[in-house]
C-alpha atoms as a PDB file:
ATOM      1  CA  GLU A   1      50.061 132.253 107.570  1.00  0.00           C
ATOM      2  CA  LYS A   2      53.097 132.747 110.075  1.00  0.00           C
ATOM      3  CA  GLU A   3      55.087 132.783 107.040  1.00  0.00           C
ATOM      4  CA  LYS A   4      53.513 136.357 106.229  1.00  0.00           C
ATOM      5  CA  GLY A   5      55.592 137.556 108.617  1.00  0.00           C
ATOM      6  CA  ILE A   6      58.932 136.238 107.886  1.00  0.00           C
ATOM      7  CA  VAL A   7      61.704 138.256 106.196  1.00  0.00           C
ATOM      8  CA  PRO A   8      65.315 136.420 105.613  1.00  0.00           C
ATOM      9  CA  SER A   9      68.206 138.308 106.361  1.00  0.00           C
ATOM     10  CA  ARG A  10      69.558 137.879 103.027  1.00  0.00           C
ATOM     11  CA  LEU A  11      67.132 140.122 101.373  1.00  0.00           C
ATOM     12  CA  PHE A  12      68.021 143.116 102.555  1.00  0.00           C
ATOM     13  CA  ASP A  13      71.797 142.151 101.074  1.00  0.00           C
ATOM     14  CA  LEU A  14      70.021 141.597  98.017  1.00  0.00           C
ATOM     15  CA  PHE A  15      68.413 145.361  97.667  1.00  0.00           C
ATOM     16  CA  ALA A  16      72.100 146.886  98.556  1.00  0.00           C
ATOM     17  CA  SER A  17      73.298 144.941  95.989  1.00  0.00           C
ATOM     18  CA  GLY A  18      70.762 145.703  92.929  1.00  0.00           C
ATOM     19  CA  ARG A  19      70.425 142.548  91.533  1.00  0.00           C
ATOM     20  CA  PRO A  20      67.024 141.466  90.443  1.00  0.00           C
ATOM     21  CA  ILE A  21      65.319 139.661  92.975  1.00  0.00           C
ATOM     22  CA  ILE A  22      62.280 136.778  92.132  1.00  0.00           C
ATOM     23  CA  ALA A  23      60.798 134.944  94.840  1.00  0.00           C
ATOM     24  CA  ALA A  24      58.119 132.642  95.199  1.00  0.00           C
ATOM     25  CA  VAL A  25      55.918 133.831  98.344  1.00  0.00           C
ATOM     26  CA  PRO A  26      52.093 134.219  99.785  1.00  0.00           C
ATOM     27  CA  PRO A  27      50.454 137.493  98.150  1.00  0.00           C
ATOM     28  CA  GLY A  28      50.161 140.026 100.502  1.00  0.00           C
ATOM     29  CA  SER A  29      53.143 138.540 102.555  1.00  0.00           C
ATOM     30  CA  LEU A  30      55.660 141.359 104.091  1.00  0.00           C
ATOM     31  CA  LEU A  31      58.498 139.377 102.343  1.00  0.00           C
ATOM     32  CA  ALA A  32      56.223 140.153  99.166  1.00  0.00           C
ATOM     33  CA  ASP A  33      54.965 143.840  99.703  1.00  0.00           C
ATOM     34  CA  LEU A  34      58.863 144.743 100.637  1.00  0.00           C
ATOM     35  CA  ILE A  35      60.501 143.065  97.832  1.00  0.00           C
ATOM     36  CA  ALA A  36      57.280 145.649  95.317  1.00  0.00           C
ATOM     37  CA  ASP A  37      58.325 148.725  97.372  1.00  0.00           C
ATOM     38  CA  SER A  38      62.067 147.902  96.272  1.00  0.00           C
ATOM     39  CA  ASN A  39      61.022 147.991  92.680  1.00  0.00           C
ATOM     40  CA  ASN A  40      64.286 145.746  91.431  1.00  0.00           C
ATOM     41  CA  GLY A  41      62.228 141.964  92.005  1.00  0.00           C
ATOM     42  CA  HIS A  42      59.286 140.142  91.509  1.00  0.00           C
ATOM     43  CA  CYS A  43      57.344 138.261  93.245  1.00  0.00           C
ATOM     44  CA  TYR A  44      54.535 134.949  92.986  1.00  0.00           C
ATOM     45  CA  ASP A  45      52.620 132.997  94.307  1.00  0.00           C
ATOM     46  CA  PRO A  46      54.292 129.710  94.474  1.00  0.00           C
ATOM     47  CA  THR A  47      50.804 127.659  94.365  1.00  0.00           C
ATOM     48  CA  ASP A  48      50.258 129.259  90.960  1.00  0.00           C
ATOM     49  CA  LYS A  49      52.067 127.780  87.711  1.00  0.00           C
ATOM     50  CA  SER A  50      51.153 130.307  85.744  1.00  0.00           C
ATOM     51  CA  ALA A  51      52.585 132.873  87.751  1.00  0.00           C
ATOM     52  CA  ALA A  52      55.631 130.955  88.432  1.00  0.00           C
ATOM     53  CA  GLU A  53      56.126 131.101  84.125  1.00  0.00           C
ATOM     54  CA  LYS A  54      55.548 134.732  84.406  1.00  0.00           C
ATOM     55  CA  ALA A  55      58.519 135.336  86.986  1.00  0.00           C
ATOM     56  CA  LEU A  56      60.815 133.096  84.887  1.00  0.00           C
ATOM     57  CA  ASP A  57      59.786 135.333  82.211  1.00  0.00           C
ATOM     58  CA  TYR A  58      60.402 138.418  84.103  1.00  0.00           C
ATOM     59  CA  LEU A  59      63.937 136.516  85.214  1.00  0.00           C
ATOM     60  CA  TYR A  60      64.653 135.889  81.738  1.00  0.00           C
ATOM     61  CA  ARG A  61      64.120 139.713  80.228  1.00  0.00           C
ATOM     62  CA  VAL A  62      66.099 141.241  83.107  1.00  0.00           C
ATOM     63  CA  GLY A  63      68.961 139.407  83.111  1.00  0.00           C
ATOM     64  CA  ARG A  64      68.964 139.254  78.867  1.00  0.00           C
ATOM     65  CA  SER A  65      68.122 143.018  79.107  1.00  0.00           C
ATOM     66  CA  HIS A  66      71.853 142.935  81.635  1.00  0.00           C
ATOM     67  CA  ILE A  67      73.183 140.969  78.918  1.00  0.00           C
ATOM     68  CA  ASP A  68      72.801 143.296  75.580  1.00  0.00           C
ATOM     69  CA  GLY A  69      73.817 146.317  77.784  1.00  0.00           C
ATOM     70  CA  GLU A  70      70.768 147.927  77.857  1.00  0.00           C
ATOM     71  CA  VAL A  71      69.938 147.844  82.255  1.00  0.00           C
ATOM     72  CA  SER A  72      73.052 147.664  84.606  1.00  0.00           C
ATOM     73  CA  ILE A  73      72.618 145.815  87.942  1.00  0.00           C
ATOM     74  CA  ALA A  74      73.210 149.046  90.483  1.00  0.00           C
ATOM     75  CA  PRO A  75      73.076 149.039  93.870  1.00  0.00           C
ATOM     76  CA  LEU A  76      69.884 150.519  95.910  1.00  0.00           C
ATOM     77  CA  PRO A  77      71.715 152.624  98.677  1.00  0.00           C
ATOM     78  CA  ASP A  78      68.548 154.611  99.364  1.00  0.00           C
ATOM     79  CA  TYR A  79      66.240 151.980  99.297  1.00  0.00           C
ATOM     80  CA  SER A  80      68.664 149.584 101.117  1.00  0.00           C
ATOM     81  CA  ARG A  81      70.193 151.973 103.855  1.00  0.00           C
ATOM     82  CA  LYS A  82      66.502 151.884 105.761  1.00  0.00           C
ATOM     83  CA  PHE A  83      67.667 148.673 106.348  1.00  0.00           C
ATOM     84  CA  GLY A  84      71.108 149.181 107.059  1.00  0.00           C
ATOM     85  CA  SER A  85      72.600 148.830 110.737  1.00  0.00           C
ATOM     86  CA  ARG A  86      72.578 152.159 111.142  1.00  0.00           C
ATOM     87  CA  ALA A  87      69.038 152.341 110.759  1.00  0.00           C
ATOM     88  CA  MET A  88      68.429 148.935 112.718  1.00  0.00           C
ATOM     89  CA  VAL A  89      70.312 150.126 115.811  1.00  0.00           C
ATOM     90  CA  GLU A  90      69.003 153.791 115.670  1.00  0.00           C
ATOM     91  CA  LYS A  91      65.303 152.404 114.977  1.00  0.00           C
ATOM     92  CA  PHE A  92      65.485 149.745 118.720  1.00  0.00           C
ATOM     93  CA  ALA A  93      67.321 152.673 120.474  1.00  0.00           C
ATOM     94  CA  GLU A  94      64.260 154.127 120.192  1.00  0.00           C
ATOM     95  CA  ILE A  95      62.201 151.469 120.897  1.00  0.00           C
ATOM     96  CA  ILE A  96      63.949 151.236 124.244  1.00  0.00           C
ATOM     97  CA  ARG A  97      63.996 155.312 124.829  1.00  0.00           C
ATOM     98  CA  ARG A  98      59.728 153.943 124.808  1.00  0.00           C
ATOM     99  CA  LEU A  99      60.060 151.517 127.177  1.00  0.00           C
ATOM    100  CA  ASP A 100      61.358 153.457 129.937  1.00  0.00           C
END
């Protein structure tokens, strides 16, 4: 239950790169929600074997599309910008201002 709010910082680098993300995470977790919002990845319940198979199929299709030249991997600057250093500093500054 406590892992539902954990987000590895590496995730934001992946958003910025535009590379597809596949993650075995609990449904309804913050991480699953962020990946779904990015529209650039697939999450599955790590306890569900058929969901894992679907996730691997997703990864294969995305990789195949890239190899075939149908899809290119492009950075997601608009989505990742809201998690960048500048945005985080501004959010923390706002929190500190509210504490005064």
